[in-house]
Amino acid sequence: MANVNLEHLTGRRVFSERGKSIGYVEEIIAEQDGDDLVVTEFHVGIFAAFERLSASTIGAALLDFFALRRRDGLYRIPWDTLDISDPARPRLLCPDEALAALRAQPKGK
């Protein structure tokens, strides 16, 4: 199992299998596993950054004001679907046709 410093991955552009940019790593989700934290998914795209803002009352109000609470530009990428062997250039391991399935669904759907 490889170790990657998360600070080297956050903010990096993510590329599809065909080399198309799909966005930047904005958030890394991890869960406690005993004494370790284990990455479960990566949030990629412009609305992943806005998602962080929505954790605060002010951020949620801003998102509502600008009607940005939708999740069209947010990809939820499972940990095993992103190749981070080169943290400077993370890339998807799934075909480009599978991107739609990784797109986060709007709340309530």
Protein backbone atom coordinates (compact mmCIF):
# COMPACT_ATOMS: atom_id res chain seq x y z
CA MET A 1 0.00 0.00 0.00
CA ALA A 2 1.38 3.39 -1.01
CA ASN A 3 1.48 6.44 1.22
CA VAL A 4 0.78 9.82 -0.33
CA ASN A 5 0.92 13.13 1.51
CA LEU A 6 -2.53 14.65 1.11
CA GLU A 7 -1.13 18.16 0.86
CA HIS A 8 0.52 17.05 -2.40
CA LEU A 9 -2.83 15.92 -3.79
CA THR A 10 -5.29 18.61 -2.69
CA GLY A 11 -5.80 21.21 -5.39
CA ARG A 12 -4.37 19.05 -8.17
CA ARG A 13 -6.12 18.80 -11.52
CA VAL A 14 -7.67 15.35 -12.12
CA PHE A 15 -7.56 13.84 -15.60
CA SER A 16 -9.87 11.30 -17.18
CA GLU A 17 -8.60 8.11 -18.74
CA ARG A 18 -8.41 9.95 -22.09
CA GLY A 19 -6.50 12.89 -20.61
CA LYS A 20 -9.43 15.34 -20.28
CA SER A 21 -9.41 17.55 -17.18
CA ILE A 22 -12.50 16.99 -15.02
CA GLY A 23 -11.64 19.39 -12.20
CA TYR A 24 -9.46 19.74 -9.14
CA VAL A 25 -9.28 17.67 -5.96
CA GLU A 26 -11.14 19.93 -3.56
CA GLU A 27 -11.90 17.59 -0.70
CA ILE A 28 -10.67 14.23 0.56
CA ILE A 29 -13.08 12.12 2.61
CA ALA A 30 -11.66 9.69 5.16
CA GLU A 31 -13.05 7.41 7.85
CA GLN A 32 -11.53 6.22 11.10
CA ASP A 33 -10.29 2.62 10.96
CA GLY A 34 -8.81 1.82 14.34
CA ASP A 35 -5.87 4.17 14.79
CA ASP A 36 -5.77 5.03 11.08
CA LEU A 37 -7.68 7.34 8.79
CA VAL A 38 -8.55 5.65 5.51
CA VAL A 39 -9.49 7.65 2.41
CA THR A 40 -12.90 6.57 1.07
CA GLU A 41 -13.48 9.12 -1.69
CA PHE A 42 -12.28 12.27 -3.39
CA HIS A 43 -14.52 15.20 -4.24
CA VAL A 44 -13.51 16.78 -7.52
CA GLY A 45 -14.91 19.78 -9.39
CA ILE A 46 -15.94 23.38 -8.87
CA PHE A 47 -18.90 22.57 -6.65
CA ALA A 48 -16.74 20.46 -4.36
CA ALA A 49 -15.17 23.74 -3.24
CA PHE A 50 -18.60 25.25 -2.72
CA GLU A 51 -19.62 22.14 -0.77
CA ARG A 52 -17.00 23.01 1.85
CA LEU A 53 -18.56 26.46 2.21
CA SER A 54 -21.98 24.95 2.85
CA ALA A 55 -20.72 23.46 6.13
CA SER A 56 -21.16 26.90 7.69
CA THR A 57 -24.37 28.88 8.00
CA ILE A 58 -22.87 31.78 6.07
CA GLY A 59 -21.59 29.45 3.34
CA ALA A 60 -25.03 27.82 2.97
CA ALA A 61 -26.66 31.26 2.74
CA LEU A 62 -24.21 32.30 0.01
CA LEU A 63 -24.84 29.13 -1.96
CA ASP A 64 -28.60 29.66 -1.70
CA PHE A 65 -28.31 33.31 -2.68
CA PHE A 66 -26.35 32.49 -5.83
CA ALA A 67 -28.38 29.28 -6.46
CA LEU A 68 -25.21 27.20 -6.28
CA ARG A 69 -26.42 24.43 -4.00
CA ARG A 70 -26.83 22.11 -6.95
CA ARG A 71 -24.16 19.46 -7.44
CA ASP A 72 -23.71 19.43 -11.22
CA GLY A 73 -19.99 20.12 -11.01
CA LEU A 74 -19.18 17.67 -8.24
CA TYR A 75 -17.72 14.24 -8.82
CA ARG A 76 -17.59 11.79 -5.90
CA ILE A 77 -14.71 9.51 -6.85
CA PRO A 78 -14.21 6.31 -4.83
CA TRP A 79 -10.68 5.87 -3.51
CA ASP A 80 -9.98 2.93 -5.78
CA THR A 81 -11.07 4.76 -8.93
CA LEU A 82 -8.36 7.42 -8.76
CA ASP A 83 -4.73 6.64 -9.59
CA ILE A 84 -2.62 8.76 -7.24
CA SER A 85 0.70 7.02 -7.91
CA ASP A 86 1.81 10.38 -9.36
CA PRO A 87 0.24 12.91 -6.94
CA ALA A 88 1.13 15.76 -9.32
CA ARG A 89 -1.13 14.25 -12.00
CA PRO A 90 -3.95 12.11 -10.53
CA ARG A 91 -6.05 10.29 -13.13
CA LEU A 92 -9.23 8.27 -13.23
CA LEU A 93 -9.00 4.53 -13.68
CA CYS A 94 -12.50 4.23 -15.15
CA PRO A 95 -13.53 4.96 -18.75
CA ASP A 96 -14.75 8.47 -19.58
CA GLU A 97 -18.21 7.00 -20.18
CA ALA A 98 -18.42 6.16 -16.45
CA LEU A 99 -18.04 9.82 -15.38
CA ALA A 100 -21.81 10.40 -15.31
CA ALA A 101 -22.15 7.70 -12.64
CA LEU A 102 -19.58 9.52 -10.47
CA ARG A 103 -21.45 12.81 -10.60
CA ALA A 104 -23.03 13.62 -7.24
CA GLN A 105 -26.80 13.65 -7.21
CA PRO A 106 -28.67 16.74 -6.05
CA LYS A 107 -30.08 16.50 -2.54
CA GLY A 108 -33.49 14.94 -2.43
CA LYS A 109 -32.92 12.60 -5.39
